C-alpha atoms as a PDB file:
ATOM      1  CA  MET A   1     -30.603 -25.328  -6.776  1.00  0.00           C
ATOM      2  CA  ALA A   2     -26.872 -25.549  -5.886  1.00  0.00           C
ATOM      3  CA  ASP A   3     -24.120 -28.140  -6.256  1.00  0.00           C
ATOM      4  CA  ILE A   4     -22.554 -28.707  -2.821  1.00  0.00           C
ATOM      5  CA  HIS A   5     -19.906 -31.384  -2.346  1.00  0.00           C
ATOM      6  CA  PRO A   6     -20.670 -33.787   0.529  1.00  0.00           C
ATOM      7  CA  SER A   7     -17.394 -32.940   2.283  1.00  0.00           C
ATOM      8  CA  ALA A   8     -18.060 -29.182   2.302  1.00  0.00           C
ATOM      9  CA  LEU A   9     -19.067 -27.621   5.631  1.00  0.00           C
ATOM     10  CA  VAL A  10     -21.945 -25.245   4.909  1.00  0.00           C
ATOM     11  CA  ASP A  11     -23.628 -23.718   7.949  1.00  0.00           C
ATOM     12  CA  PRO A  12     -27.448 -24.016   7.864  1.00  0.00           C
ATOM     13  CA  GLY A  13     -27.662 -20.231   8.321  1.00  0.00           C
ATOM     14  CA  ALA A  14     -25.772 -19.467   5.104  1.00  0.00           C
ATOM     15  CA  LYS A  15     -27.761 -18.224   2.109  1.00  0.00           C
ATOM     16  CA  ILE A  16     -26.724 -20.070  -1.035  1.00  0.00           C
ATOM     17  CA  GLY A  17     -27.981 -18.775  -4.374  1.00  0.00           C
ATOM     18  CA  GLU A  18     -29.222 -20.745  -7.328  1.00  0.00           C
ATOM     19  CA  GLY A  19     -26.540 -22.435  -9.380  1.00  0.00           C
ATOM     20  CA  CYS A  20     -23.752 -22.023  -6.814  1.00  0.00           C
ATOM     21  CA  GLN A  21     -20.999 -24.628  -6.735  1.00  0.00           C
ATOM     22  CA  ILE A  22     -19.243 -25.409  -3.457  1.00  0.00           C
ATOM     23  CA  GLY A  23     -16.249 -27.698  -3.712  1.00  0.00           C
ATOM     24  CA  PRO A  24     -14.830 -30.357  -1.412  1.00  0.00           C
ATOM     25  CA  PHE A  25     -13.543 -29.422   2.050  1.00  0.00           C
ATOM     26  CA  SER A  26     -14.586 -25.787   1.696  1.00  0.00           C
ATOM     27  CA  VAL A  27     -16.194 -23.951   4.631  1.00  0.00           C
ATOM     28  CA  ILE A  28     -19.148 -21.527   4.415  1.00  0.00           C
ATOM     29  CA  GLY A  29     -20.064 -19.638   7.583  1.00  0.00           C
ATOM     30  CA  PRO A  30     -23.515 -18.834   9.029  1.00  0.00           C
ATOM     31  CA  ASP A  31     -23.654 -15.155   8.018  1.00  0.00           C
ATOM     32  CA  VAL A  32     -22.488 -15.681   4.446  1.00  0.00           C
ATOM     33  CA  THR A  33     -24.642 -14.862   1.424  1.00  0.00           C
ATOM     34  CA  LEU A  34     -23.593 -16.263  -1.948  1.00  0.00           C
ATOM     35  CA  ALA A  35     -25.427 -14.742  -4.920  1.00  0.00           C
ATOM     36  CA  PRO A  36     -26.480 -16.981  -7.810  1.00  0.00           C
ATOM     37  CA  GLY A  37     -23.697 -18.631  -9.763  1.00  0.00           C
ATOM     38  CA  VAL A  38     -20.922 -18.181  -7.183  1.00  0.00           C
ATOM     39  CA  VAL A  39     -18.232 -20.871  -7.324  1.00  0.00           C
ATOM     40  CA  VAL A  40     -16.275 -21.745  -4.172  1.00  0.00           C
ATOM     41  CA  LYS A  41     -13.576 -24.236  -5.067  1.00  0.00           C
ATOM     42  CA  SER A  42     -12.018 -26.837  -2.789  1.00  0.00           C
ATOM     43  CA  HIS A  43     -10.465 -25.886   0.573  1.00  0.00           C
ATOM     44  CA  ALA A  44     -11.624 -22.253   0.437  1.00  0.00           C
ATOM     45  CA  VAL A  45     -13.124 -20.477   3.471  1.00  0.00           C
ATOM     46  CA  VAL A  46     -15.901 -17.888   3.286  1.00  0.00           C
ATOM     47  CA  THR A  47     -16.823 -16.674   6.746  1.00  0.00           C
ATOM     48  CA  GLY A  48     -18.018 -13.657   8.753  1.00  0.00           C
ATOM     49  CA  TRP A  49     -20.787 -11.330   7.621  1.00  0.00           C
ATOM     50  CA  THR A  50     -19.861 -11.632   3.972  1.00  0.00           C
ATOM     51  CA  ASP A  51     -21.840 -11.050   0.765  1.00  0.00           C
ATOM     52  CA  VAL A  52     -20.378 -12.429  -2.471  1.00  0.00           C
ATOM     53  CA  GLY A  53     -21.760 -11.141  -5.774  1.00  0.00           C
ATOM     54  CA  GLU A  54     -23.155 -13.113  -8.670  1.00  0.00           C
ATOM     55  CA  GLY A  55     -20.735 -15.198 -10.712  1.00  0.00           C
ATOM     56  CA  THR A  56     -17.696 -14.598  -8.492  1.00  0.00           C
ATOM     57  CA  VAL A  57     -15.195 -17.481  -8.310  1.00  0.00           C
ATOM     58  CA  ILE A  58     -13.208 -18.180  -5.131  1.00  0.00           C
ATOM     59  CA  PHE A  59     -10.210 -20.439  -5.704  1.00  0.00           C
ATOM     60  CA  PRO A  60      -8.621 -23.020  -3.358  1.00  0.00           C
ATOM     61  CA  PHE A  61      -7.191 -21.891  -0.024  1.00  0.00           C
ATOM     62  CA  ALA A  62      -8.546 -18.345  -0.291  1.00  0.00           C
ATOM     63  CA  CYS A  63      -9.863 -16.944   3.009  1.00  0.00           C
ATOM     64  CA  VAL A  64     -12.701 -14.487   2.505  1.00  0.00           C
ATOM     65  CA  GLY A  65     -14.377 -12.529   5.316  1.00  0.00           C
ATOM     66  CA  GLU A  66     -12.178 -13.380   8.282  1.00  0.00           C
ATOM     67  CA  VAL A  67     -11.825 -10.886  11.160  1.00  0.00           C
ATOM     68  CA  PRO A  68      -9.585  -7.828  10.611  1.00  0.00           C
ATOM     69  CA  GLN A  69      -5.903  -7.813  11.521  1.00  0.00           C
ATOM     70  CA  ASP A  70      -6.356  -4.929  13.940  1.00  0.00           C
ATOM     71  CA  LEU A  71      -5.507  -5.068  17.637  1.00  0.00           C
ATOM     72  CA  LYS A  72      -8.388  -2.669  18.360  1.00  0.00           C
ATOM     73  CA  PHE A  73     -10.910  -5.197  17.037  1.00  0.00           C
ATOM     74  CA  LYS A  74     -12.983  -6.584  19.905  1.00  0.00           C
ATOM     75  CA  GLY A  75     -15.338  -8.903  18.070  1.00  0.00           C
ATOM     76  CA  GLU A  76     -17.889  -6.365  16.851  1.00  0.00           C
ATOM     77  CA  LYS A  77     -19.965  -7.462  13.863  1.00  0.00           C
ATOM     78  CA  THR A  78     -18.485  -5.973  10.709  1.00  0.00           C
ATOM     79  CA  ARG A  79     -18.860  -6.789   7.063  1.00  0.00           C
ATOM     80  CA  LEU A  80     -17.224  -7.693   3.744  1.00  0.00           C
ATOM     81  CA  ILE A  81     -19.001  -7.047   0.433  1.00  0.00           C
ATOM     82  CA  VAL A  82     -17.570  -8.565  -2.769  1.00  0.00           C
ATOM     83  CA  GLY A  83     -19.030  -7.599  -6.129  1.00  0.00           C
ATOM     84  CA  ALA A  84     -20.060  -9.651  -9.141  1.00  0.00           C
ATOM     85  CA  ARG A  85     -17.837 -11.677 -11.468  1.00  0.00           C
ATOM     86  CA  CYS A  86     -14.691 -11.301  -9.376  1.00  0.00           C
ATOM     87  CA  LYS A  87     -11.858 -13.823  -9.441  1.00  0.00           C
ATOM     88  CA  ILE A  88     -10.319 -14.408  -6.002  1.00  0.00           C
ATOM     89  CA  ARG A  89      -7.315 -16.612  -6.636  1.00  0.00           C
ATOM     90  CA  GLU A  90      -5.451 -19.150  -4.527  1.00  0.00           C
ATOM     91  CA  GLY A  91      -4.395 -18.029  -1.069  1.00  0.00           C
ATOM     92  CA  ALA A  92      -5.898 -14.550  -1.289  1.00  0.00           C
ATOM     93  CA  THR A  93      -7.181 -13.021   1.965  1.00  0.00           C
ATOM     94  CA  LEU A  94      -9.978 -10.457   2.345  1.00  0.00           C
ATOM     95  CA  ASN A  95     -10.799  -9.138   5.826  1.00  0.00           C
ATOM     96  CA  ALA A  96     -14.010  -7.635   7.169  1.00  0.00           C
ATOM     97  CA  GLY A  97     -14.106  -4.024   8.350  1.00  0.00           C
ATOM     98  CA  THR A  98     -13.681  -2.494  11.787  1.00  0.00           C
ATOM     99  CA  GLU A  99     -16.064  -0.381  13.821  1.00  0.00           C
ATOM    100  CA  GLY A 100     -13.618   2.533  13.805  1.00  0.00           C
ATOM    101  CA  GLY A 101     -13.162   2.350  10.031  1.00  0.00           C
ATOM    102  CA  GLY A 102     -16.817   2.334   9.054  1.00  0.00           C
ATOM    103  CA  GLY A 103     -17.438  -1.375   9.478  1.00  0.00           C
ATOM    104  CA  VAL A 104     -17.305  -2.466   5.831  1.00  0.00           C
ATOM    105  CA  THR A 105     -14.626  -3.679   3.415  1.00  0.00           C
ATOM    106  CA  ARG A 106     -15.786  -3.425  -0.208  1.00  0.00           C
ATOM    107  CA  VAL A 107     -14.574  -4.985  -3.454  1.00  0.00           C
ATOM    108  CA  GLY A 108     -16.259  -3.865  -6.681  1.00  0.00           C
ATOM    109  CA  ASP A 109     -17.330  -5.840  -9.743  1.00  0.00           C
ATOM    110  CA  ASP A 110     -15.060  -7.704 -12.174  1.00  0.00           C
ATOM    111  CA  CYS A 111     -11.956  -7.529  -9.979  1.00  0.00           C
ATOM    112  CA  LEU A 112      -9.046  -9.965 -10.253  1.00  0.00           C
ATOM    113  CA  LEU A 113      -7.248 -10.622  -6.977  1.00  0.00           C
ATOM    114  CA  MET A 114      -4.330 -12.869  -7.850  1.00  0.00           C
ATOM    115  CA  THR A 115      -2.510 -15.490  -5.801  1.00  0.00           C
ATOM    116  CA  GLY A 116      -1.656 -14.438  -2.259  1.00  0.00           C
ATOM    117  CA  SER A 117      -3.056 -10.920  -2.534  1.00  0.00           C
ATOM    118  CA  HIS A 118      -4.507  -9.252   0.558  1.00  0.00           C
ATOM    119  CA  VAL A 119      -7.307  -6.710   1.036  1.00  0.00           C
ATOM    120  CA  GLY A 120      -7.171  -5.219   4.530  1.00  0.00           C
ATOM    121  CA  HIS A 121      -9.985  -4.043   6.780  1.00  0.00           C
ATOM    122  CA  ASP A 122     -12.146  -1.100   5.697  1.00  0.00           C
ATOM    123  CA  ALA A 123     -10.454  -0.916   2.292  1.00  0.00           C
ATOM    124  CA  THR A 124     -12.511  -0.045  -0.784  1.00  0.00           C
ATOM    125  CA  LEU A 125     -11.689  -1.380  -4.244  1.00  0.00           C
ATOM    126  CA  GLY A 126     -13.531  -0.063  -7.282  1.00  0.00           C
ATOM    127  CA  ASN A 127     -14.563  -2.015 -10.357  1.00  0.00           C
ATOM    128  CA  ARG A 128     -12.108  -3.904 -12.593  1.00  0.00           C
ATOM    129  CA  VAL A 129      -9.240  -3.578 -10.116  1.00  0.00           C
ATOM    130  CA  ILE A 130      -6.350  -5.997 -10.641  1.00  0.00           C
ATOM    131  CA  LEU A 131      -4.056  -6.982  -7.775  1.00  0.00           C
ATOM    132  CA  ALA A 132      -1.190  -9.115  -9.053  1.00  0.00           C
ATOM    133  CA  ASN A 133       0.472 -11.888  -7.073  1.00  0.00           C
ATOM    134  CA  GLN A 134       1.256 -11.133  -3.414  1.00  0.00           C
ATOM    135  CA  VAL A 135       0.001  -7.529  -3.487  1.00  0.00           C
ATOM    136  CA  ALA A 136      -0.908  -6.185  -0.035  1.00  0.00           C
ATOM    137  CA  VAL A 137      -3.559  -3.468   0.304  1.00  0.00           C
ATOM    138  CA  ALA A 138      -3.540  -2.185   3.879  1.00  0.00           C
ATOM    139  CA  GLY A 139      -6.495  -1.077   5.962  1.00  0.00           C
ATOM    140  CA  HIS A 140      -8.573   1.987   5.050  1.00  0.00           C
ATOM    141  CA  CYS A 141      -7.130   2.234   1.506  1.00  0.00           C
ATOM    142  CA  TRP A 142      -9.250   3.384  -1.425  1.00  0.00           C
ATOM    143  CA  LEU A 143      -8.533   2.165  -4.980  1.00  0.00           C
ATOM    144  CA  GLY A 144     -10.572   3.638  -7.841  1.00  0.00           C
ATOM    145  CA  ASP A 145     -11.905   1.829 -10.896  1.00  0.00           C
ATOM    146  CA  ASP A 146      -9.425   0.206 -13.315  1.00  0.00           C
ATOM    147  CA  VAL A 147      -6.435   0.399 -10.954  1.00  0.00           C
ATOM    148  CA  ILE A 148      -3.670  -2.168 -11.580  1.00  0.00           C
ATOM    149  CA  VAL A 149      -1.132  -3.034  -8.869  1.00  0.00           C
ATOM    150  CA  GLY A 150       1.955  -5.005  -9.899  1.00  0.00           C
ATOM    151  CA  GLY A 151       3.228  -8.084  -8.111  1.00  0.00           C
ATOM    152  CA  LEU A 152       4.795  -7.913  -4.636  1.00  0.00           C
ATOM    153  CA  SER A 153       3.736  -4.284  -4.168  1.00  0.00           C
ATOM    154  CA  GLY A 154       2.269  -2.780  -1.014  1.00  0.00           C
ATOM    155  CA  ILE A 155      -0.223   0.044  -0.495  1.00  0.00           C
ATOM    156  CA  HIS A 156       0.201   1.854   2.851  1.00  0.00           C
ATOM    157  CA  GLN A 157      -2.849   2.284   5.069  1.00  0.00           C
ATOM    158  CA  TRP A 158      -5.137   5.252   4.295  1.00  0.00           C
ATOM    159  CA  VAL A 159      -3.631   5.757   0.820  1.00  0.00           C
ATOM    160  CA  ARG A 160      -5.931   6.590  -2.094  1.00  0.00           C
ATOM    161  CA  VAL A 161      -5.103   5.425  -5.625  1.00  0.00           C
ATOM    162  CA  GLY A 162      -7.077   7.274  -8.288  1.00  0.00           C
ATOM    163  CA  HIS A 163      -9.036   5.908 -11.226  1.00  0.00           C
ATOM    164  CA  GLY A 164      -6.944   4.260 -13.921  1.00  0.00           C
ATOM    165  CA  ALA A 165      -3.609   4.471 -12.111  1.00  0.00           C
ATOM    166  CA  ILE A 166      -0.993   1.724 -12.421  1.00  0.00           C
ATOM    167  CA  ILE A 167       1.548   0.652  -9.793  1.00  0.00           C
ATOM    168  CA  GLY A 168       4.665  -1.175 -10.948  1.00  0.00           C
ATOM    169  CA  ALA A 169       5.928  -4.395  -9.391  1.00  0.00           C
ATOM    170  CA  VAL A 170       7.848  -4.457  -6.090  1.00  0.00           C
ATOM    171  CA  THR A 171       6.744  -0.930  -5.172  1.00  0.00           C
ATOM    172  CA  MET A 172       5.816   0.505  -1.794  1.00  0.00           C
ATOM    173  CA  VAL A 173       3.184   3.240  -2.136  1.00  0.00           C
ATOM    174  CA  THR A 174       3.049   5.551   0.887  1.00  0.00           C
ATOM    175  CA  ASN A 175       1.104   8.546  -0.467  1.00  0.00           C
ATOM    176  CA  ASP A 176      -1.929   9.208  -2.652  1.00  0.00           C
ATOM    177  CA  VAL A 177      -1.658   8.532  -6.388  1.00  0.00           C
ATOM    178  CA  ILE A 178      -3.448  10.810  -8.843  1.00  0.00           C
ATOM    179  CA  PRO A 179      -5.914   9.308 -11.351  1.00  0.00           C
ATOM    180  CA  TYR A 180      -4.132   7.808 -14.390  1.00  0.00           C
ATOM    181  CA  GLY A 181      -0.762   8.075 -12.628  1.00  0.00           C
ATOM    182  CA  LEU A 182       2.152   5.700 -13.216  1.00  0.00           C
ATOM    183  CA  VAL A 183       4.060   4.773 -10.043  1.00  0.00           C
ATOM    184  CA  GLN A 184       7.179   2.624  -9.916  1.00  0.00           C
ATOM    185  CA  GLY A 185      10.385   2.112  -7.951  1.00  0.00           C
ATOM    186  CA  PRO A 186      11.165   0.409  -4.632  1.00  0.00           C
ATOM    187  CA  ARG A 187       9.811   3.448  -2.807  1.00  0.00           C
ATOM    188  CA  GLY A 188       7.067   4.465  -5.176  1.00  0.00           C
ATOM    189  CA  GLU A 189       7.490   7.667  -7.206  1.00  0.00           C
ATOM    190  CA  LEU A 190       5.002   9.229  -9.582  1.00  0.00           C
ATOM    191  CA  ASP A 191       6.781   8.725 -12.890  1.00  0.00           C
ATOM    192  CA  GLY A 192       4.237   9.797 -15.501  1.00  0.00           C
ATOM    193  CA  LEU A 193       0.796   8.725 -16.668  1.00  0.00           C
ATOM    194  CA  ASN A 194      -0.681   5.303 -17.374  1.00  0.00           C
ATOM    195  CA  LEU A 195      -0.752   5.999 -21.123  1.00  0.00           C
ATOM    196  CA  VAL A 196      -1.054   2.334 -22.078  1.00  0.00           C
ATOM    197  CA  GLY A 197      -4.121   1.925 -19.895  1.00  0.00           C
ATOM    198  CA  LEU A 198      -5.728   5.088 -21.271  1.00  0.00           C
ATOM    199  CA  LYS A 199      -5.246   3.899 -24.854  1.00  0.00           C
ATOM    200  CA  ARG A 200      -6.565   0.430 -24.073  1.00  0.00           C
ATOM    201  CA  ARG A 201      -9.750   1.931 -22.672  1.00  0.00           C
ATOM    202  CA  GLY A 202     -10.273   3.981 -25.823  1.00  0.00           C
ATOM    203  CA  VAL A 203      -9.780   7.418 -24.283  1.00  0.00           C
ATOM    204  CA  GLU A 204      -9.738  10.034 -27.032  1.00  0.00           C
ATOM    205  CA  ARG A 205      -6.391  11.388 -28.159  1.00  0.00           C
ATOM    206  CA  SER A 206      -7.431  14.941 -27.282  1.00  0.00           C
ATOM    207  CA  GLU A 207      -8.103  13.873 -23.682  1.00  0.00           C
ATOM    208  CA  ILE A 208      -4.742  12.090 -23.445  1.00  0.00           C
ATOM    209  CA  THR A 209      -3.028  15.198 -24.796  1.00  0.00           C
ATOM    210  CA  ALA A 210      -4.823  17.323 -22.199  1.00  0.00           C
ATOM    211  CA  LEU A 211      -3.771  14.922 -19.445  1.00  0.00           C
ATOM    212  CA  ARG A 212      -0.132  15.075 -20.542  1.00  0.00           C
ATOM    213  CA  ALA A 213      -0.196  18.855 -20.600  1.00  0.00           C
ATOM    214  CA  GLY A 214      -1.895  18.940 -17.205  1.00  0.00           C
ATOM    215  CA  TYR A 215       0.685  16.558 -15.761  1.00  0.00           C
ATOM    216  CA  GLN A 216       3.499  18.812 -16.955  1.00  0.00           C
ATOM    217  CA  MET A 217       1.830  21.806 -15.322  1.00  0.00           C
ATOM    218  CA  LEU A 218       1.503  19.916 -12.049  1.00  0.00           C
ATOM    219  CA  ALA A 219       5.165  18.942 -12.293  1.00  0.00           C
ATOM    220  CA  GLN A 220       6.771  22.202 -13.330  1.00  0.00           C
ATOM    221  CA  GLY A 221       4.514  25.157 -12.619  1.00  0.00           C
ATOM    222  CA  GLU A 222       5.023  27.847 -10.005  1.00  0.00           C
ATOM    223  CA  GLY A 223       3.876  27.477  -6.410  1.00  0.00           C
ATOM    224  CA  THR A 224       3.080  24.371  -4.391  1.00  0.00           C
ATOM    225  CA  PHE A 225       1.561  21.219  -5.817  1.00  0.00           C
ATOM    226  CA  LEU A 226      -1.882  22.246  -4.554  1.00  0.00           C
ATOM    227  CA  ASP A 227      -1.457  25.760  -5.957  1.00  0.00           C
ATOM    228  CA  ARG A 228      -0.658  24.332  -9.364  1.00  0.00           C
ATOM    229  CA  ALA A 229      -3.641  21.965  -9.131  1.00  0.00           C
ATOM    230  CA  ARG A 230      -6.042  24.814  -8.339  1.00  0.00           C
ATOM    231  CA  ARG A 231      -4.670  26.878 -11.213  1.00  0.00           C
ATOM    232  CA  LEU A 232      -4.992  23.942 -13.597  1.00  0.00           C
ATOM    233  CA  GLY A 233      -8.574  23.420 -12.463  1.00  0.00           C
ATOM    234  CA  ASP A 234      -9.422  26.985 -13.427  1.00  0.00           C
ATOM    235  CA  GLU A 235      -7.958  26.538 -16.907  1.00  0.00           C
ATOM    236  CA  THR A 236      -8.943  23.064 -18.088  1.00  0.00           C
ATOM    237  CA  ASP A 237     -11.923  21.928 -20.146  1.00  0.00           C
ATOM    238  CA  SER A 238     -10.924  18.252 -20.029  1.00  0.00           C
ATOM    239  CA  ALA A 239     -13.116  15.838 -18.091  1.00  0.00           C
ATOM    240  CA  HIS A 240     -10.132  13.596 -17.349  1.00  0.00           C
ATOM    241  CA  VAL A 241      -7.991  16.478 -16.098  1.00  0.00           C
ATOM    242  CA  ARG A 242     -10.928  17.664 -13.998  1.00  0.00           C
ATOM    243  CA  GLU A 243     -11.074  14.181 -12.443  1.00  0.00           C
ATOM    244  CA  VAL A 244      -7.411  14.493 -11.450  1.00  0.00           C
ATOM    245  CA  ILE A 245      -7.940  17.972  -9.990  1.00  0.00           C
ATOM    246  CA  ASP A 246     -11.021  16.920  -8.012  1.00  0.00           C
ATOM    247  CA  PHE A 247      -9.038  13.998  -6.606  1.00  0.00           C
ATOM    248  CA  VAL A 248      -6.114  16.217  -5.574  1.00  0.00           C
ATOM    249  CA  LEU A 249      -8.321  18.838  -3.952  1.00  0.00           C
ATOM    250  CA  SER A 250     -10.557  16.394  -2.075  1.00  0.00           C
ATOM    251  CA  ALA A 251     -10.000  15.385   1.544  1.00  0.00           C
ATOM    252  CA  SER A 252      -7.170  12.939   2.220  1.00  0.00           C
ATOM    253  CA  ASP A 253      -5.407  11.404   5.198  1.00  0.00           C
ATOM    254  CA  ARG A 254      -2.099  11.238   3.293  1.00  0.00           C
ATOM    255  CA  SER A 255       0.022  13.599   1.235  1.00  0.00           C
ATOM    256  CA  PHE A 256       0.555  13.027  -2.491  1.00  0.00           C
ATOM    257  CA  LEU A 257       3.132  11.379  -4.665  1.00  0.00           C
ATOM    258  CA  THR A 258       4.116  14.364  -6.803  1.00  0.00           C
ATOM    259  CA  PRO A 259       5.608  14.298 -10.308  1.00  0.00           C
ATOM    260  CA  LYS A 260       9.380  13.770 -10.528  1.00  0.00           C
END
């Protein structure tokens, strides 16, 4: 049913799906569930109360499901859920949740977590998220679908990054990023829209035009940023602009990166 190397340490309590491959010197803990077709390569650790989705590949020296890096953690049973077809590359670390943060860290489907990337406790990553090498996502963060974070960047705890946004390399993001936003600079600034990503996903030209016009209104209109967002919400017919407005007007524990 599964191909398990003789040197791997697989706890009898672990649930191993059909067609899984577990490489030499890897460790699988007692509360781990591997869906069918999961590949755990050599020297990787999957531990804690962790579910790994079908077809996900975990590369050497990754540590998946270890306890959170939170001094308030007292050993309570919390969870990590990883979606299907993810690639968790060498040295990546994914921590379980905390009781105070909801108890669950979640990674969506088809994500690529590159070498040395980190997903902190109680964070939520959507589908098709890409974290480049050495990216650090702190606890309680929320990243929407199709977010890309460039190498050596950090996302501050509690920050939300909206659907389709892109973060440049070597950037520290301390406030929420609107959907489709482009953030870059040592101390991240909202510097436009992720136009390349929108075009690659086949978004219609009319929607891109509406997003560009909406961005300009958010940047240059009268009143506060939230005032401009509410006014834009009353005027737009664009589904993509509406997504941005709903994101801005929803509850947040951080302020926003606003247009330059």
